Amino acid sequence: MIKKAVIPAAGTGTRFLPLTKAQPKEMLPIVDTPTIQYVIEEAINAGIKDILIITGRGKRAIEDHFDRSFELEHQLREKGDQKLLERIQKIANLANIHYIRQKEQNGLGDAVAYAQQHVYHEPFAVLLGDSVISSPTPCIGQLMQLHDRFGASILAMEAVPTEKVNRYGILKGKKIESDLYLVEDLIEKPSPQEAPSNLAIAGRYIFTPDIFEFIQKTARGKGGEIQLTDAIRLMAKEHAFFAYQFKGKRYDIGNKLDFLKTNIDFALERKEYREEILSYLEEIVHQHKSKKN
């Protein structure tokens, strides 16, 4: 049973500058909720209550968000806004959240290595903070169910358009059953002609503690960083490592266009905004069509 989750959140978020100059990218809002809160709620909804966040310099806002704010609670109590007060208090009690800093930007593999003392000899989940996944069963929960069956490490995959495979780590694998593969290799950002499939790594993992051994063996790659994908490739040569095409939809918050699309999709899911957003979008489309004509 997976009891602990690790969320790497030490990246600088340069693709969102200047917005992320003084604000962690993980705190970018989707409607009215920080991105990282959706990620934490996914872990919680899968039954995980012990969460370690790997932070870095300038990430204090993450800790403050999940902490109590007695002054704010007092103000809301004085205003009689009980509904919002309860919502704020709930955030501080979501889970048992721990923090450790990645002191240098040495890559995702290095960030995960910081979790070794926390998870000790247990298998654990890793959820990347720049991907939000909407699904009836939490994506990390789907992986947990498969880990219970096989006892092995497993990562989530999603099908992407062939012309976009050069943006992702792509699976080369042997199909075991419907949507489940044995990892043979992972090809980082191949051309469409070189790609062995259109299945891309989707930012959710279950690792056995063996992963730490292979992170230590991993040579520095692009940018002089220790890449998690390279460690997985090494591990897959010696241990059974599975890949699963999860059920659900992933929202990539790592680039501006997808971030904007995510906010629209999530706003449309909210009853209080849906009709006005649809009306506004129809108005915008009509205006642009009129300009073309």
C-alpha atoms as a PDB file:
ATOM      1  CA  MET A   1       0.000   0.000   0.000  1.00  0.00           C
ATOM      2  CA  ILE A   2       1.295   3.447  -0.954  1.00  0.00           C
ATOM      3  CA  LYS A   3       1.261   5.776   2.046  1.00  0.00           C
ATOM      4  CA  LYS A   4       3.523   8.639   0.947  1.00  0.00           C
ATOM      5  CA  ALA A   5       3.595  11.038  -1.990  1.00  0.00           C
ATOM      6  CA  VAL A   6       6.381  13.305  -3.203  1.00  0.00           C
ATOM      7  CA  ILE A   7       5.687  16.489  -5.165  1.00  0.00           C
ATOM      8  CA  PRO A   8       8.750  18.128  -6.771  1.00  0.00           C
ATOM      9  CA  ALA A   9       8.134  21.884  -6.797  1.00  0.00           C
ATOM     10  CA  ALA A  10      11.578  23.458  -6.957  1.00  0.00           C
ATOM     11  CA  GLY A  11      11.594  24.628 -10.582  1.00  0.00           C
ATOM     12  CA  THR A  12      12.001  28.316 -11.375  1.00  0.00           C
ATOM     13  CA  GLY A  13       9.121  28.557 -13.856  1.00  0.00           C
ATOM     14  CA  THR A  14      11.036  30.601 -16.433  1.00  0.00           C
ATOM     15  CA  ARG A  15       8.396  29.972 -19.113  1.00  0.00           C
ATOM     16  CA  PHE A  16       5.962  32.091 -17.089  1.00  0.00           C
ATOM     17  CA  LEU A  17       8.198  35.075 -16.452  1.00  0.00           C
ATOM     18  CA  PRO A  18       7.655  37.801 -15.399  1.00  0.00           C
ATOM     19  CA  LEU A  19       4.683  36.327 -13.465  1.00  0.00           C
ATOM     20  CA  THR A  20       6.894  33.808 -11.680  1.00  0.00           C
ATOM     21  CA  LYS A  21       9.602  36.315 -10.724  1.00  0.00           C
ATOM     22  CA  ALA A  22       8.134  36.526  -7.206  1.00  0.00           C
ATOM     23  CA  GLN A  23       5.476  33.798  -7.296  1.00  0.00           C
ATOM     24  CA  PRO A  24       6.031  30.021  -7.495  1.00  0.00           C
ATOM     25  CA  LYS A  25       4.680  28.538 -10.728  1.00  0.00           C
ATOM     26  CA  GLU A  26       2.938  25.883  -8.621  1.00  0.00           C
ATOM     27  CA  MET A  27       0.815  28.664  -7.113  1.00  0.00           C
ATOM     28  CA  LEU A  28      -0.525  29.815 -10.490  1.00  0.00           C
ATOM     29  CA  PRO A  29      -4.311  29.808 -10.114  1.00  0.00           C
ATOM     30  CA  ILE A  30      -6.754  27.618 -11.975  1.00  0.00           C
ATOM     31  CA  VAL A  31      -9.853  29.785 -11.540  1.00  0.00           C
ATOM     32  CA  ASP A  32      -9.479  30.407  -7.776  1.00  0.00           C
ATOM     33  CA  THR A  33      -7.326  27.472  -6.639  1.00  0.00           C
ATOM     34  CA  PRO A  34      -3.517  27.122  -6.864  1.00  0.00           C
ATOM     35  CA  THR A  35      -2.325  24.434  -9.245  1.00  0.00           C
ATOM     36  CA  ILE A  36      -0.463  22.527  -6.536  1.00  0.00           C
ATOM     37  CA  GLN A  37      -3.626  22.228  -4.446  1.00  0.00           C
ATOM     38  CA  TYR A  38      -5.268  20.202  -7.230  1.00  0.00           C
ATOM     39  CA  VAL A  39      -2.211  17.927  -7.264  1.00  0.00           C
ATOM     40  CA  ILE A  40      -2.303  17.441  -3.496  1.00  0.00           C
ATOM     41  CA  GLU A  41      -6.048  16.775  -3.590  1.00  0.00           C
ATOM     42  CA  GLU A  42      -5.450  14.051  -6.194  1.00  0.00           C
ATOM     43  CA  ALA A  43      -3.093  12.282  -3.796  1.00  0.00           C
ATOM     44  CA  ILE A  44      -5.515  12.726  -0.898  1.00  0.00           C
ATOM     45  CA  ASN A  45      -8.444  11.387  -2.932  1.00  0.00           C
ATOM     46  CA  ALA A  46      -6.332   8.292  -3.630  1.00  0.00           C
ATOM     47  CA  GLY A  47      -5.902   7.735   0.106  1.00  0.00           C
ATOM     48  CA  ILE A  48      -2.456   9.302   0.625  1.00  0.00           C
ATOM     49  CA  LYS A  49      -2.189  11.584   3.660  1.00  0.00           C
ATOM     50  CA  ASP A  50       1.595  11.948   4.018  1.00  0.00           C
ATOM     51  CA  ILE A  51       3.017  14.355   1.433  1.00  0.00           C
ATOM     52  CA  LEU A  52       6.546  15.683   0.963  1.00  0.00           C
ATOM     53  CA  ILE A  53       6.966  18.775  -1.208  1.00  0.00           C
ATOM     54  CA  ILE A  54      10.440  19.413  -2.633  1.00  0.00           C
ATOM     55  CA  THR A  55      10.729  23.180  -2.743  1.00  0.00           C
ATOM     56  CA  GLY A  56      13.442  25.693  -3.546  1.00  0.00           C
ATOM     57  CA  ARG A  57      14.345  29.300  -3.002  1.00  0.00           C
ATOM     58  CA  GLY A  58      11.370  31.653  -3.379  1.00  0.00           C
ATOM     59  CA  LYS A  59       8.741  28.971  -2.709  1.00  0.00           C
ATOM     60  CA  ARG A  60       7.619  30.151   0.737  1.00  0.00           C
ATOM     61  CA  ALA A  61       4.149  30.972  -0.633  1.00  0.00           C
ATOM     62  CA  ILE A  62       3.466  27.231  -0.989  1.00  0.00           C
ATOM     63  CA  GLU A  63       4.082  26.645   2.711  1.00  0.00           C
ATOM     64  CA  ASP A  64       2.020  29.694   3.661  1.00  0.00           C
ATOM     65  CA  HIS A  65      -0.916  28.521   1.541  1.00  0.00           C
ATOM     66  CA  PHE A  66      -1.199  25.194   3.359  1.00  0.00           C
ATOM     67  CA  ASP A  67      -0.634  26.731   6.790  1.00  0.00           C
ATOM     68  CA  ARG A  68      -3.155  28.340   9.148  1.00  0.00           C
ATOM     69  CA  SER A  69      -3.766  32.081   8.744  1.00  0.00           C
ATOM     70  CA  PHE A  70      -5.261  33.177  12.043  1.00  0.00           C
ATOM     71  CA  GLU A  71      -5.577  36.838  11.014  1.00  0.00           C
ATOM     72  CA  LEU A  72      -7.501  35.937   7.859  1.00  0.00           C
ATOM     73  CA  GLU A  73      -9.678  33.464   9.754  1.00  0.00           C
ATOM     74  CA  HIS A  74     -10.472  36.159  12.332  1.00  0.00           C
ATOM     75  CA  GLN A  75     -11.487  38.613   9.596  1.00  0.00           C
ATOM     76  CA  LEU A  76     -13.778  36.076   7.944  1.00  0.00           C
ATOM     77  CA  ARG A  77     -15.285  35.150  11.303  1.00  0.00           C
ATOM     78  CA  GLU A  78     -15.941  38.826  12.059  1.00  0.00           C
ATOM     79  CA  LYS A  79     -17.622  39.260   8.665  1.00  0.00           C
ATOM     80  CA  GLY A  80     -19.775  36.192   9.276  1.00  0.00           C
ATOM     81  CA  ASP A  81     -18.496  34.486   6.109  1.00  0.00           C
ATOM     82  CA  GLN A  82     -18.694  30.971   7.545  1.00  0.00           C
ATOM     83  CA  LYS A  83     -18.606  29.206   4.172  1.00  0.00           C
ATOM     84  CA  LEU A  84     -15.327  30.819   3.101  1.00  0.00           C
ATOM     85  CA  LEU A  85     -13.884  30.414   6.609  1.00  0.00           C
ATOM     86  CA  GLU A  86     -14.497  26.664   6.501  1.00  0.00           C
ATOM     87  CA  ARG A  87     -12.946  26.457   3.035  1.00  0.00           C
ATOM     88  CA  ILE A  88      -9.789  28.253   4.208  1.00  0.00           C
ATOM     89  CA  GLN A  89      -9.500  26.101   7.329  1.00  0.00           C
ATOM     90  CA  LYS A  90      -9.943  22.935   5.272  1.00  0.00           C
ATOM     91  CA  ILE A  91      -6.884  23.823   3.163  1.00  0.00           C
ATOM     92  CA  ALA A  92      -4.700  23.837   6.266  1.00  0.00           C
ATOM     93  CA  ASN A  93      -5.939  20.381   7.252  1.00  0.00           C
ATOM     94  CA  LEU A  94      -5.815  18.593   3.902  1.00  0.00           C
ATOM     95  CA  ALA A  95      -2.905  16.322   4.766  1.00  0.00           C
ATOM     96  CA  ASN A  96       0.290  15.924   6.757  1.00  0.00           C
ATOM     97  CA  ILE A  97       2.556  18.032   4.544  1.00  0.00           C
ATOM     98  CA  HIS A  98       6.341  18.185   4.928  1.00  0.00           C
ATOM     99  CA  TYR A  99       8.865  20.338   3.081  1.00  0.00           C
ATOM    100  CA  ILE A 100      12.511  20.051   2.100  1.00  0.00           C
ATOM    101  CA  ARG A 101      14.545  22.337  -0.136  1.00  0.00           C
ATOM    102  CA  GLN A 102      16.440  21.301  -3.224  1.00  0.00           C
ATOM    103  CA  LYS A 103      19.432  23.577  -2.694  1.00  0.00           C
ATOM    104  CA  GLU A 104      20.538  23.648  -6.342  1.00  0.00           C
ATOM    105  CA  GLN A 105      18.657  23.228  -9.617  1.00  0.00           C
ATOM    106  CA  ASN A 106      20.134  19.831 -10.477  1.00  0.00           C
ATOM    107  CA  GLY A 107      17.164  18.285 -12.262  1.00  0.00           C
ATOM    108  CA  LEU A 108      14.075  16.257 -11.487  1.00  0.00           C
ATOM    109  CA  GLY A 109      16.038  13.129 -10.652  1.00  0.00           C
ATOM    110  CA  ASP A 110      18.011  15.026  -8.032  1.00  0.00           C
ATOM    111  CA  ALA A 111      14.792  16.511  -6.608  1.00  0.00           C
ATOM    112  CA  VAL A 112      13.259  13.051  -6.143  1.00  0.00           C
ATOM    113  CA  ALA A 113      16.477  11.874  -4.463  1.00  0.00           C
ATOM    114  CA  TYR A 114      15.801  14.364  -1.661  1.00  0.00           C
ATOM    115  CA  ALA A 115      12.838  12.181  -0.645  1.00  0.00           C
ATOM    116  CA  GLN A 116      14.940   9.119   0.217  1.00  0.00           C
ATOM    117  CA  GLN A 117      15.103   9.701   3.965  1.00  0.00           C
ATOM    118  CA  HIS A 118      11.398  10.529   4.112  1.00  0.00           C
ATOM    119  CA  VAL A 119      10.056   7.493   2.265  1.00  0.00           C
ATOM    120  CA  TYR A 120      12.795   5.209   3.657  1.00  0.00           C
ATOM    121  CA  HIS A 121      12.247   1.660   2.312  1.00  0.00           C
ATOM    122  CA  GLU A 122       8.640   2.098   1.197  1.00  0.00           C
ATOM    123  CA  PRO A 123       7.239   2.386  -2.322  1.00  0.00           C
ATOM    124  CA  PHE A 124       5.965   5.919  -2.916  1.00  0.00           C
ATOM    125  CA  ALA A 125       4.087   8.120  -5.362  1.00  0.00           C
ATOM    126  CA  VAL A 126       5.493  11.063  -7.304  1.00  0.00           C
ATOM    127  CA  LEU A 127       3.171  13.712  -8.748  1.00  0.00           C
ATOM    128  CA  LEU A 128       4.612  16.559 -10.787  1.00  0.00           C
ATOM    129  CA  GLY A 129       3.273  19.932  -9.746  1.00  0.00           C
ATOM    130  CA  ASP A 130       2.810  21.323 -13.273  1.00  0.00           C
ATOM    131  CA  SER A 131       0.287  18.692 -14.383  1.00  0.00           C
ATOM    132  CA  VAL A 132      -3.327  18.572 -13.230  1.00  0.00           C
ATOM    133  CA  ILE A 133      -5.280  15.436 -14.113  1.00  0.00           C
ATOM    134  CA  SER A 134      -9.057  15.211 -14.168  1.00  0.00           C
ATOM    135  CA  SER A 135     -10.413  11.673 -13.849  1.00  0.00           C
ATOM    136  CA  PRO A 136     -13.213   9.782 -12.053  1.00  0.00           C
ATOM    137  CA  THR A 137     -10.579   7.680 -10.261  1.00  0.00           C
ATOM    138  CA  PRO A 138      -7.496   9.721  -9.307  1.00  0.00           C
ATOM    139  CA  CYS A 139      -4.718   9.032 -11.793  1.00  0.00           C
ATOM    140  CA  ILE A 140      -2.242   8.229  -9.024  1.00  0.00           C
ATOM    141  CA  GLY A 141      -4.891   5.909  -7.553  1.00  0.00           C
ATOM    142  CA  GLN A 142      -5.071   4.015 -10.850  1.00  0.00           C
ATOM    143  CA  LEU A 143      -1.306   3.461 -10.660  1.00  0.00           C
ATOM    144  CA  MET A 144      -1.576   2.404  -7.021  1.00  0.00           C
ATOM    145  CA  GLN A 145      -4.060  -0.316  -7.954  1.00  0.00           C
ATOM    146  CA  LEU A 146      -1.636  -1.697 -10.535  1.00  0.00           C
ATOM    147  CA  HIS A 147       1.264  -1.508  -8.088  1.00  0.00           C
ATOM    148  CA  ASP A 148      -0.800  -3.605  -5.683  1.00  0.00           C
ATOM    149  CA  ARG A 149      -1.098  -6.224  -8.426  1.00  0.00           C
ATOM    150  CA  PHE A 150       2.495  -6.320  -9.633  1.00  0.00           C
ATOM    151  CA  GLY A 151       4.569  -4.842  -6.804  1.00  0.00           C
ATOM    152  CA  ALA A 152       6.653  -2.965  -9.361  1.00  0.00           C
ATOM    153  CA  SER A 153       7.314   0.627 -10.345  1.00  0.00           C
ATOM    154  CA  ILE A 154       4.873   2.131 -12.814  1.00  0.00           C
ATOM    155  CA  LEU A 155       4.399   5.437 -14.608  1.00  0.00           C
ATOM    156  CA  ALA A 156       1.399   7.069 -16.244  1.00  0.00           C
ATOM    157  CA  MET A 157       1.232   7.610 -19.992  1.00  0.00           C
ATOM    158  CA  GLU A 158      -1.079   9.547 -22.278  1.00  0.00           C
ATOM    159  CA  ALA A 159      -1.573   9.396 -26.031  1.00  0.00           C
ATOM    160  CA  VAL A 160      -0.451  12.599 -27.763  1.00  0.00           C
ATOM    161  CA  PRO A 161      -0.755  13.684 -31.412  1.00  0.00           C
ATOM    162  CA  THR A 162       2.111  12.328 -33.496  1.00  0.00           C
ATOM    163  CA  GLU A 163       3.232  15.820 -34.465  1.00  0.00           C
ATOM    164  CA  LYS A 164       3.733  16.658 -30.762  1.00  0.00           C
ATOM    165  CA  VAL A 165       5.850  13.668 -29.676  1.00  0.00           C
ATOM    166  CA  ASN A 166       8.954  15.877 -29.888  1.00  0.00           C
ATOM    167  CA  ARG A 167       7.758  17.667 -26.723  1.00  0.00           C
ATOM    168  CA  TYR A 168       7.747  14.609 -24.458  1.00  0.00           C
ATOM    169  CA  GLY A 169       9.474  11.494 -23.211  1.00  0.00           C
ATOM    170  CA  ILE A 170       7.980   8.722 -25.372  1.00  0.00           C
ATOM    171  CA  LEU A 171       7.465   5.075 -24.484  1.00  0.00           C
ATOM    172  CA  LYS A 172       8.995   2.118 -26.225  1.00  0.00           C
ATOM    173  CA  GLY A 173       7.307  -0.841 -24.615  1.00  0.00           C
ATOM    174  CA  LYS A 174       5.802  -4.296 -24.834  1.00  0.00           C
ATOM    175  CA  LYS A 175       2.030  -4.441 -24.456  1.00  0.00           C
ATOM    176  CA  ILE A 176       1.008  -6.683 -21.544  1.00  0.00           C
ATOM    177  CA  GLU A 177      -2.737  -6.090 -21.526  1.00  0.00           C
ATOM    178  CA  SER A 178      -5.169  -3.316 -22.391  1.00  0.00           C
ATOM    179  CA  ASP A 179      -3.421   0.048 -21.755  1.00  0.00           C
ATOM    180  CA  LEU A 180      -0.587  -1.641 -19.814  1.00  0.00           C
ATOM    181  CA  TYR A 181       2.991  -1.931 -21.106  1.00  0.00           C
ATOM    182  CA  LEU A 182       6.349  -3.195 -19.927  1.00  0.00           C
ATOM    183  CA  VAL A 183       8.878  -0.389 -20.365  1.00  0.00           C
ATOM    184  CA  GLU A 184      11.698  -1.273 -22.754  1.00  0.00           C
ATOM    185  CA  ASP A 185      12.990   2.267 -23.196  1.00  0.00           C
ATOM    186  CA  LEU A 186      11.990   5.915 -22.973  1.00  0.00           C
ATOM    187  CA  ILE A 187      12.995   8.205 -25.818  1.00  0.00           C
ATOM    188  CA  GLU A 188      13.301  11.857 -24.874  1.00  0.00           C
ATOM    189  CA  LYS A 189      11.678  14.247 -27.368  1.00  0.00           C
ATOM    190  CA  PRO A 190      12.057  12.161 -30.543  1.00  0.00           C
ATOM    191  CA  SER A 191      11.030  13.339 -33.981  1.00  0.00           C
ATOM    192  CA  PRO A 192       7.752  11.868 -35.272  1.00  0.00           C
ATOM    193  CA  GLN A 193       9.807   9.594 -37.546  1.00  0.00           C
ATOM    194  CA  GLU A 194      11.964   8.316 -34.670  1.00  0.00           C
ATOM    195  CA  ALA A 195       9.194   7.930 -32.076  1.00  0.00           C
ATOM    196  CA  PRO A 196       8.453   4.279 -31.179  1.00  0.00           C
ATOM    197  CA  SER A 197       4.887   5.233 -30.133  1.00  0.00           C
ATOM    198  CA  ASN A 198       2.720   8.233 -29.351  1.00  0.00           C
ATOM    199  CA  LEU A 199       2.527   7.448 -25.607  1.00  0.00           C
ATOM    200  CA  ALA A 200       4.060  10.222 -23.514  1.00  0.00           C
ATOM    201  CA  ILE A 201       5.081  10.363 -19.846  1.00  0.00           C
ATOM    202  CA  ALA A 202       2.267  12.112 -17.973  1.00  0.00           C
ATOM    203  CA  GLY A 203       3.884  13.246 -14.716  1.00  0.00           C
ATOM    204  CA  ARG A 204       2.619  10.534 -12.347  1.00  0.00           C
ATOM    205  CA  TYR A 205       4.751   7.696 -10.981  1.00  0.00           C
ATOM    206  CA  ILE A 206       4.832   4.931  -8.393  1.00  0.00           C
ATOM    207  CA  PHE A 207       8.406   3.998  -7.473  1.00  0.00           C
ATOM    208  CA  THR A 208       9.835   1.202  -5.419  1.00  0.00           C
ATOM    209  CA  PRO A 209      12.753   2.477  -3.296  1.00  0.00           C
ATOM    210  CA  ASP A 210      15.175   0.934  -5.820  1.00  0.00           C
ATOM    211  CA  ILE A 211      14.817   4.143  -7.833  1.00  0.00           C
ATOM    212  CA  PHE A 212      17.249   5.916  -5.498  1.00  0.00           C
ATOM    213  CA  GLU A 213      20.039   3.499  -6.434  1.00  0.00           C
ATOM    214  CA  PHE A 214      19.528   4.294 -10.111  1.00  0.00           C
ATOM    215  CA  ILE A 215      19.319   8.040  -9.564  1.00  0.00           C
ATOM    216  CA  GLN A 216      22.756   7.792  -7.933  1.00  0.00           C
ATOM    217  CA  LYS A 217      24.044   5.927 -10.996  1.00  0.00           C
ATOM    218  CA  THR A 218      22.579   8.428 -13.456  1.00  0.00           C
ATOM    219  CA  ALA A 219      25.063  10.668 -15.215  1.00  0.00           C
ATOM    220  CA  ARG A 220      24.255  14.322 -15.662  1.00  0.00           C
ATOM    221  CA  GLY A 221      22.381  14.922 -18.887  1.00  0.00           C
ATOM    222  CA  LYS A 222      20.978  17.972 -20.647  1.00  0.00           C
ATOM    223  CA  GLY A 223      21.850  21.214 -18.875  1.00  0.00           C
ATOM    224  CA  GLY A 224      24.136  19.322 -16.507  1.00  0.00           C
ATOM    225  CA  GLU A 225      21.093  18.027 -14.618  1.00  0.00           C
ATOM    226  CA  ILE A 226      20.183  14.565 -13.315  1.00  0.00           C
ATOM    227  CA  GLN A 227      17.152  13.538 -15.335  1.00  0.00           C
ATOM    228  CA  LEU A 228      14.521  11.276 -13.768  1.00  0.00           C
ATOM    229  CA  THR A 229      13.782   9.735 -17.168  1.00  0.00           C
ATOM    230  CA  ASP A 230      17.427   8.606 -17.464  1.00  0.00           C
ATOM    231  CA  ALA A 231      17.223   6.946 -14.034  1.00  0.00           C
ATOM    232  CA  ILE A 232      14.024   5.141 -15.074  1.00  0.00           C
ATOM    233  CA  ARG A 233      15.726   3.901 -18.246  1.00  0.00           C
ATOM    234  CA  LEU A 234      18.544   2.418 -16.172  1.00  0.00           C
ATOM    235  CA  MET A 235      16.111   0.849 -13.730  1.00  0.00           C
ATOM    236  CA  ALA A 236      13.969  -0.671 -16.480  1.00  0.00           C
ATOM    237  CA  LYS A 237      17.004  -2.645 -17.689  1.00  0.00           C
ATOM    238  CA  GLU A 238      17.225  -4.515 -14.378  1.00  0.00           C
ATOM    239  CA  HIS A 239      13.696  -4.433 -12.939  1.00  0.00           C
ATOM    240  CA  ALA A 240      10.211  -4.843 -14.344  1.00  0.00           C
ATOM    241  CA  PHE A 241       8.904  -1.317 -14.866  1.00  0.00           C
ATOM    242  CA  PHE A 242       5.368  -0.759 -16.153  1.00  0.00           C
ATOM    243  CA  ALA A 243       3.643   2.044 -18.019  1.00  0.00           C
ATOM    244  CA  TYR A 244      -0.108   2.594 -17.966  1.00  0.00           C
ATOM    245  CA  GLN A 245      -2.267   4.704 -20.241  1.00  0.00           C
ATOM    246  CA  PHE A 246      -4.437   6.247 -17.544  1.00  0.00           C
ATOM    247  CA  LYS A 247      -8.140   7.040 -17.785  1.00  0.00           C
ATOM    248  CA  GLY A 248      -8.698  10.785 -17.637  1.00  0.00           C
ATOM    249  CA  LYS A 249      -7.478  14.076 -19.063  1.00  0.00           C
ATOM    250  CA  ARG A 250      -4.181  15.770 -18.260  1.00  0.00           C
ATOM    251  CA  TYR A 251      -3.825  19.534 -18.204  1.00  0.00           C
ATOM    252  CA  ASP A 252      -0.258  20.718 -18.784  1.00  0.00           C
ATOM    253  CA  ILE A 253       0.298  23.849 -16.726  1.00  0.00           C
ATOM    254  CA  GLY A 254       3.894  24.069 -17.929  1.00  0.00           C
ATOM    255  CA  ASN A 255       3.173  26.389 -20.852  1.00  0.00           C
ATOM    256  CA  LYS A 256       1.093  29.548 -21.150  1.00  0.00           C
ATOM    257  CA  LEU A 257      -1.338  28.461 -23.859  1.00  0.00           C
ATOM    258  CA  ASP A 258      -2.329  25.233 -22.103  1.00  0.00           C
ATOM    259  CA  PHE A 259      -2.569  27.140 -18.819  1.00  0.00           C
ATOM    260  CA  LEU A 260      -5.110  29.514 -20.380  1.00  0.00           C
ATOM    261  CA  LYS A 261      -7.070  26.607 -21.881  1.00  0.00           C
ATOM    262  CA  THR A 262      -7.099  24.863 -18.498  1.00  0.00           C
ATOM    263  CA  ASN A 263      -8.626  27.890 -16.814  1.00  0.00           C
ATOM    264  CA  ILE A 264     -11.383  28.002 -19.419  1.00  0.00           C
ATOM    265  CA  ASP A 265     -12.142  24.278 -19.050  1.00  0.00           C
ATOM    266  CA  PHE A 266     -12.232  24.444 -15.265  1.00  0.00           C
ATOM    267  CA  ALA A 267     -14.365  27.597 -15.285  1.00  0.00           C
ATOM    268  CA  LEU A 268     -16.873  25.814 -17.513  1.00  0.00           C
ATOM    269  CA  GLU A 269     -17.130  23.071 -14.895  1.00  0.00           C
ATOM    270  CA  ARG A 270     -18.287  25.610 -12.324  1.00  0.00           C
ATOM    271  CA  LYS A 271     -22.055  26.194 -12.288  1.00  0.00           C
ATOM    272  CA  GLU A 272     -21.700  29.809 -11.220  1.00  0.00           C
ATOM    273  CA  TYR A 273     -19.521  30.657 -14.238  1.00  0.00           C
ATOM    274  CA  ARG A 274     -20.562  28.243 -16.982  1.00  0.00           C
ATOM    275  CA  GLU A 275     -23.329  30.170 -18.740  1.00  0.00           C
ATOM    276  CA  GLU A 276     -21.545  33.531 -18.613  1.00  0.00           C
ATOM    277  CA  ILE A 277     -18.282  32.020 -19.878  1.00  0.00           C
ATOM    278  CA  LEU A 278     -20.069  30.259 -22.755  1.00  0.00           C
ATOM    279  CA  SER A 279     -21.884  33.463 -23.646  1.00  0.00           C
ATOM    280  CA  TYR A 280     -18.632  35.415 -23.581  1.00  0.00           C
ATOM    281  CA  LEU A 281     -16.825  32.845 -25.739  1.00  0.00           C
ATOM    282  CA  GLU A 282     -19.631  32.910 -28.290  1.00  0.00           C
ATOM    283  CA  GLU A 283     -19.432  36.704 -28.346  1.00  0.00           C
ATOM    284  CA  ILE A 284     -15.658  36.627 -28.878  1.00  0.00           C
ATOM    285  CA  VAL A 285     -15.936  34.062 -31.700  1.00  0.00           C
ATOM    286  CA  HIS A 286     -18.651  36.148 -33.362  1.00  0.00           C
ATOM    287  CA  GLN A 287     -16.506  39.294 -33.155  1.00  0.00           C
ATOM    288  CA  HIS A 288     -13.501  37.583 -34.707  1.00  0.00           C
ATOM    289  CA  LYS A 289     -15.586  36.087 -37.497  1.00  0.00           C
ATOM    290  CA  SER A 290     -17.022  39.541 -38.221  1.00  0.00           C
ATOM    291  CA  LYS A 291     -13.521  41.006 -38.442  1.00  0.00           C
ATOM    292  CA  LYS A 292     -12.519  38.363 -41.010  1.00  0.00           C
ATOM    293  CA  ASN A 293     -15.588  39.156 -43.112  1.00  0.00           C
END
